[in-house]
Amino acid sequence: MAKILIGIILISLASSVGAFVDPTRPLIRAPKPAPIETVKVEQKQPLTAIFTKGKNRFAVIEDKIYRTGDTYRNSQIIRITNDKVILRTAEGTRRLTLIQKIKK
């Protein structure tokens, strides 16, 4: 009878020990990382077309027509070529390049 009672006690102790803590679980929880802020940057090509009329060249930038000497976003258009527009900014010069369509 004593052996049966000791067996029952050992079985109950063994089953209650398993309910405590998973031995493979880390002792310290890592802090949750801060959420990453995503900034949506629109990569829109502002220069959409360049065309000529007689000897004059015009550029379509953000759906508006400009010619040499005009001002675009606090920059002066100093040159328009077949595939680019050169701007003079406060920081120096900037180039807007016309992206060619890829033939399929």
N, C-alpha and C. Protein backbone atom coordinates (compact mmCIF):
# COMPACT_ATOMS: atom_id res chain seq x y z
N MET A 1 0.82 -1.18 0.00
CA MET A 1 0.00 0.00 0.00
C MET A 1 0.87 1.25 0.00
N ALA A 2 1.94 1.23 0.76
CA ALA A 2 2.85 2.37 0.83
C ALA A 2 3.51 2.58 -0.53
N LYS A 3 3.83 1.47 -1.23
CA LYS A 3 4.47 1.59 -2.54
C LYS A 3 3.50 2.24 -3.54
N ILE A 4 2.24 1.90 -3.45
CA ILE A 4 1.25 2.47 -4.36
C ILE A 4 1.09 3.97 -4.07
N LEU A 5 1.07 4.32 -2.80
CA LEU A 5 0.93 5.73 -2.41
C LEU A 5 2.14 6.54 -2.86
N ILE A 6 3.33 5.99 -2.70
CA ILE A 6 4.55 6.68 -3.14
C ILE A 6 4.54 6.83 -4.66
N GLY A 7 4.09 5.82 -5.38
CA GLY A 7 4.00 5.87 -6.84
C GLY A 7 3.05 6.96 -7.30
N ILE A 8 1.91 7.07 -6.64
CA ILE A 8 0.92 8.09 -7.01
C ILE A 8 1.49 9.48 -6.75
N ILE A 9 2.19 9.65 -5.64
CA ILE A 9 2.79 10.95 -5.31
C ILE A 9 3.85 11.32 -6.35
N LEU A 10 4.70 10.36 -6.74
CA LEU A 10 5.74 10.63 -7.73
C LEU A 10 5.14 10.98 -9.10
N ILE A 11 4.10 10.28 -9.48
CA ILE A 11 3.45 10.56 -10.77
C ILE A 11 2.81 11.95 -10.74
N SER A 12 2.19 12.32 -9.63
CA SER A 12 1.55 13.63 -9.55
C SER A 12 2.61 14.75 -9.54
N LEU A 13 3.75 14.49 -8.89
CA LEU A 13 4.83 15.48 -8.90
C LEU A 13 5.42 15.64 -10.30
N ALA A 14 5.60 14.54 -10.99
CA ALA A 14 6.17 14.58 -12.34
C ALA A 14 5.24 15.32 -13.30
N SER A 15 3.95 15.12 -13.16
CA SER A 15 3.02 15.79 -14.07
C SER A 15 2.91 17.28 -13.75
N SER A 16 3.05 17.68 -12.50
CA SER A 16 2.95 19.10 -12.16
C SER A 16 4.23 19.85 -12.52
N VAL A 17 5.38 19.17 -12.55
CA VAL A 17 6.64 19.81 -12.93
C VAL A 17 6.59 20.21 -14.40
N GLY A 18 5.99 19.40 -15.24
CA GLY A 18 5.91 19.69 -16.66
C GLY A 18 5.06 20.91 -16.97
N ALA A 19 4.22 21.35 -16.06
CA ALA A 19 3.34 22.49 -16.31
C ALA A 19 4.02 23.82 -16.00
N PHE A 20 5.23 23.80 -15.47
CA PHE A 20 5.88 25.05 -15.08
C PHE A 20 6.43 25.84 -16.26
N VAL A 21 7.66 25.64 -16.64
CA VAL A 21 8.32 26.47 -17.65
C VAL A 21 8.99 25.59 -18.69
N ASP A 22 8.89 26.01 -19.92
CA ASP A 22 9.56 25.33 -21.02
C ASP A 22 11.06 25.58 -20.88
N PRO A 23 11.88 24.55 -20.78
CA PRO A 23 13.32 24.76 -20.58
C PRO A 23 14.01 25.39 -21.79
N THR A 24 13.39 25.35 -22.96
CA THR A 24 14.02 25.95 -24.14
C THR A 24 13.61 27.41 -24.33
N ARG A 25 12.68 27.87 -23.53
CA ARG A 25 12.22 29.25 -23.65
C ARG A 25 13.28 30.19 -23.06
N PRO A 26 13.58 31.30 -23.73
CA PRO A 26 14.56 32.25 -23.19
C PRO A 26 14.08 32.80 -21.85
N LEU A 27 15.03 33.06 -20.96
CA LEU A 27 14.69 33.56 -19.64
C LEU A 27 14.22 35.02 -19.70
N ILE A 28 14.80 35.80 -20.61
CA ILE A 28 14.45 37.21 -20.72
C ILE A 28 13.80 37.44 -22.08
N ARG A 29 12.71 38.14 -22.06
CA ARG A 29 12.06 38.47 -23.32
C ARG A 29 12.77 39.66 -23.96
N ALA A 30 12.99 39.55 -25.23
CA ALA A 30 13.59 40.67 -25.97
C ALA A 30 12.53 41.74 -26.15
N PRO A 31 12.91 42.99 -26.03
CA PRO A 31 11.92 44.05 -26.23
C PRO A 31 11.46 44.07 -27.68
N LYS A 32 10.22 44.47 -27.86
CA LYS A 32 9.69 44.56 -29.22
C LYS A 32 10.39 45.70 -29.94
N PRO A 33 10.78 45.49 -31.18
CA PRO A 33 11.43 46.58 -31.91
C PRO A 33 10.44 47.70 -32.19
N ALA A 34 10.97 48.90 -32.25
CA ALA A 34 10.12 50.05 -32.55
C ALA A 34 9.58 49.91 -33.96
N PRO A 35 8.37 50.34 -34.17
CA PRO A 35 7.82 50.25 -35.53
C PRO A 35 8.62 51.11 -36.49
N ILE A 36 8.82 50.60 -37.68
CA ILE A 36 9.58 51.32 -38.69
C ILE A 36 8.65 52.29 -39.41
N GLU A 37 9.08 53.52 -39.44
CA GLU A 37 8.28 54.52 -40.15
C GLU A 37 8.58 54.39 -41.63
N THR A 38 7.54 54.30 -42.40
CA THR A 38 7.73 54.23 -43.84
C THR A 38 7.35 55.57 -44.44
N VAL A 39 8.21 56.05 -45.26
CA VAL A 39 7.97 57.31 -45.94
C VAL A 39 7.79 56.99 -47.41
N LYS A 40 6.66 57.39 -47.92
CA LYS A 40 6.39 57.13 -49.32
C LYS A 40 6.99 58.26 -50.14
N VAL A 41 7.96 57.90 -50.95
CA VAL A 41 8.60 58.87 -51.82
C VAL A 41 8.16 58.57 -53.24
N GLU A 42 7.57 59.57 -53.82
CA GLU A 42 7.07 59.37 -55.17
C GLU A 42 8.21 59.65 -56.15
N GLN A 43 8.56 58.66 -56.92
CA GLN A 43 9.63 58.78 -57.90
C GLN A 43 9.05 59.11 -59.26
N LYS A 44 8.36 60.22 -59.33
CA LYS A 44 7.73 60.61 -60.58
C LYS A 44 8.74 61.34 -61.44
N GLN A 45 8.76 61.01 -62.69
CA GLN A 45 9.63 61.68 -63.64
C GLN A 45 8.98 63.00 -64.03
N PRO A 46 9.56 64.15 -63.65
CA PRO A 46 8.89 65.41 -63.96
C PRO A 46 8.95 65.79 -65.43
N LEU A 47 10.01 65.38 -66.14
CA LEU A 47 10.16 65.72 -67.56
C LEU A 47 9.48 64.65 -68.39
N THR A 48 8.43 65.02 -69.09
CA THR A 48 7.68 64.01 -69.84
C THR A 48 7.82 64.14 -71.35
N ALA A 49 8.21 65.33 -71.85
CA ALA A 49 8.34 65.49 -73.30
C ALA A 49 9.20 66.69 -73.63
N ILE A 50 9.84 66.62 -74.79
CA ILE A 50 10.58 67.75 -75.35
C ILE A 50 10.17 67.83 -76.81
N PHE A 51 9.83 69.04 -77.26
CA PHE A 51 9.46 69.19 -78.67
C PHE A 51 9.99 70.52 -79.20
N THR A 52 10.05 70.62 -80.50
CA THR A 52 10.54 71.84 -81.14
C THR A 52 9.46 72.44 -82.01
N LYS A 53 9.52 73.75 -82.10
CA LYS A 53 8.62 74.48 -83.00
C LYS A 53 9.50 75.54 -83.67
N GLY A 54 9.82 75.28 -84.92
CA GLY A 54 10.78 76.14 -85.60
C GLY A 54 12.15 75.93 -85.00
N LYS A 55 12.78 77.00 -84.54
CA LYS A 55 14.10 76.89 -83.90
C LYS A 55 14.00 76.84 -82.37
N ASN A 56 12.81 76.93 -81.84
CA ASN A 56 12.62 76.94 -80.39
C ASN A 56 12.33 75.53 -79.87
N ARG A 57 12.89 75.24 -78.70
CA ARG A 57 12.62 73.97 -78.03
C ARG A 57 11.79 74.24 -76.78
N PHE A 58 10.89 73.30 -76.53
CA PHE A 58 10.01 73.40 -75.36
C PHE A 58 10.09 72.09 -74.58
N ALA A 59 9.89 72.18 -73.28
CA ALA A 59 9.90 71.00 -72.41
C ALA A 59 8.59 70.94 -71.64
N VAL A 60 8.05 69.74 -71.54
CA VAL A 60 6.86 69.53 -70.73
C VAL A 60 7.33 68.96 -69.39
N ILE A 61 7.20 69.77 -68.36
CA ILE A 61 7.64 69.38 -67.01
C ILE A 61 6.42 69.49 -66.10
N GLU A 62 6.06 68.37 -65.49
CA GLU A 62 4.89 68.29 -64.62
C GLU A 62 3.66 68.90 -65.30
N ASP A 63 3.43 68.49 -66.52
CA ASP A 63 2.26 68.86 -67.32
C ASP A 63 2.17 70.35 -67.67
N LYS A 64 3.28 71.08 -67.58
CA LYS A 64 3.32 72.48 -67.99
C LYS A 64 4.43 72.64 -69.03
N ILE A 65 4.23 73.57 -69.95
CA ILE A 65 5.20 73.78 -71.02
C ILE A 65 6.15 74.92 -70.63
N TYR A 66 7.46 74.65 -70.77
CA TYR A 66 8.50 75.62 -70.44
C TYR A 66 9.44 75.78 -71.63
N ARG A 67 10.11 76.94 -71.69
CA ARG A 67 11.16 77.15 -72.69
C ARG A 67 12.38 77.72 -71.98
N THR A 68 13.48 77.82 -72.70
CA THR A 68 14.72 78.33 -72.13
C THR A 68 14.48 79.73 -71.55
N GLY A 69 14.95 79.92 -70.31
CA GLY A 69 14.77 81.20 -69.62
C GLY A 69 13.63 81.18 -68.61
N ASP A 70 12.70 80.24 -68.74
CA ASP A 70 11.59 80.15 -67.79
C ASP A 70 12.09 79.64 -66.44
N THR A 71 11.25 79.83 -65.42
CA THR A 71 11.57 79.38 -64.07
C THR A 71 10.71 78.18 -63.72
N TYR A 72 11.37 77.14 -63.21
CA TYR A 72 10.69 75.93 -62.74
C TYR A 72 11.18 75.64 -61.33
N ARG A 73 10.30 75.69 -60.35
CA ARG A 73 10.63 75.41 -58.94
C ARG A 73 11.87 76.17 -58.47
N ASN A 74 11.85 77.46 -58.59
CA ASN A 74 12.96 78.32 -58.16
C ASN A 74 14.27 78.03 -58.89
N SER A 75 14.19 77.41 -60.05
CA SER A 75 15.36 77.13 -60.88
C SER A 75 15.11 77.71 -62.26
N GLN A 76 16.16 78.22 -62.87
CA GLN A 76 16.02 78.77 -64.21
C GLN A 76 16.42 77.73 -65.24
N ILE A 77 15.61 77.58 -66.26
CA ILE A 77 15.92 76.65 -67.35
C ILE A 77 16.94 77.35 -68.24
N ILE A 78 18.16 76.78 -68.30
CA ILE A 78 19.22 77.42 -69.08
C ILE A 78 19.46 76.75 -70.42
N ARG A 79 19.00 75.49 -70.58
CA ARG A 79 19.20 74.81 -71.86
C ARG A 79 18.22 73.65 -72.00
N ILE A 80 17.72 73.47 -73.21
CA ILE A 80 16.87 72.32 -73.54
C ILE A 80 17.50 71.65 -74.75
N THR A 81 17.81 70.35 -74.61
CA THR A 81 18.36 69.58 -75.72
C THR A 81 17.32 68.55 -76.16
N ASN A 82 17.73 67.63 -77.03
CA ASN A 82 16.80 66.61 -77.52
C ASN A 82 16.30 65.68 -76.42
N ASP A 83 17.13 65.47 -75.37
CA ASP A 83 16.76 64.48 -74.35
C ASP A 83 16.91 64.96 -72.91
N LYS A 84 17.23 66.24 -72.70
CA LYS A 84 17.39 66.71 -71.31
C LYS A 84 17.14 68.20 -71.20
N VAL A 85 16.91 68.62 -69.95
CA VAL A 85 16.73 70.03 -69.60
C VAL A 85 17.75 70.34 -68.52
N ILE A 86 18.50 71.41 -68.71
CA ILE A 86 19.50 71.83 -67.73
C ILE A 86 18.93 73.02 -66.96
N LEU A 87 18.96 72.89 -65.62
CA LEU A 87 18.43 73.93 -64.73
C LEU A 87 19.57 74.55 -63.93
N ARG A 88 19.46 75.84 -63.65
CA ARG A 88 20.40 76.50 -62.74
C ARG A 88 19.67 76.70 -61.42
N THR A 89 20.20 76.06 -60.38
CA THR A 89 19.60 76.15 -59.05
C THR A 89 20.53 76.93 -58.13
N ALA A 90 20.10 77.17 -56.91
CA ALA A 90 20.94 77.85 -55.92
C ALA A 90 22.16 77.01 -55.57
N GLU A 91 22.04 75.69 -55.68
CA GLU A 91 23.13 74.78 -55.34
C GLU A 91 24.05 74.49 -56.52
N GLY A 92 23.68 74.89 -57.71
CA GLY A 92 24.47 74.58 -58.91
C GLY A 92 23.54 74.25 -60.07
N THR A 93 23.96 73.30 -60.90
CA THR A 93 23.11 72.91 -62.02
C THR A 93 22.47 71.56 -61.75
N ARG A 94 21.33 71.37 -62.37
CA ARG A 94 20.59 70.12 -62.23
C ARG A 94 20.11 69.71 -63.61
N ARG A 95 20.08 68.42 -63.85
CA ARG A 95 19.68 67.90 -65.15
C ARG A 95 18.43 67.05 -65.02
N LEU A 96 17.45 67.34 -65.84
CA LEU A 96 16.26 66.49 -65.97
C LEU A 96 16.42 65.74 -67.28
N THR A 97 16.40 64.43 -67.22
CA THR A 97 16.61 63.62 -68.41
C THR A 97 15.31 62.97 -68.83
N LEU A 98 15.08 62.97 -70.12
CA LEU A 98 13.89 62.34 -70.68
C LEU A 98 14.14 60.84 -70.76
N ILE A 99 13.27 60.06 -70.18
CA ILE A 99 13.42 58.60 -70.20
C ILE A 99 12.84 58.08 -71.50
N GLN A 100 13.64 57.30 -72.20
CA GLN A 100 13.20 56.73 -73.46
C GLN A 100 12.33 55.51 -73.18
N LYS A 101 11.33 55.30 -74.01
CA LYS A 101 10.50 54.11 -73.86
C LYS A 101 11.30 52.89 -74.29
N ILE A 102 11.08 51.80 -73.59
CA ILE A 102 11.76 50.54 -73.92
C ILE A 102 10.92 49.80 -74.94
N LYS A 103 11.55 49.41 -76.03
CA LYS A 103 10.83 48.67 -77.06
C LYS A 103 10.68 47.23 -76.63
N LYS A 104 9.50 46.69 -76.85
CA LYS A 104 9.23 45.31 -76.45
C LYS A 104 9.61 44.36 -77.56
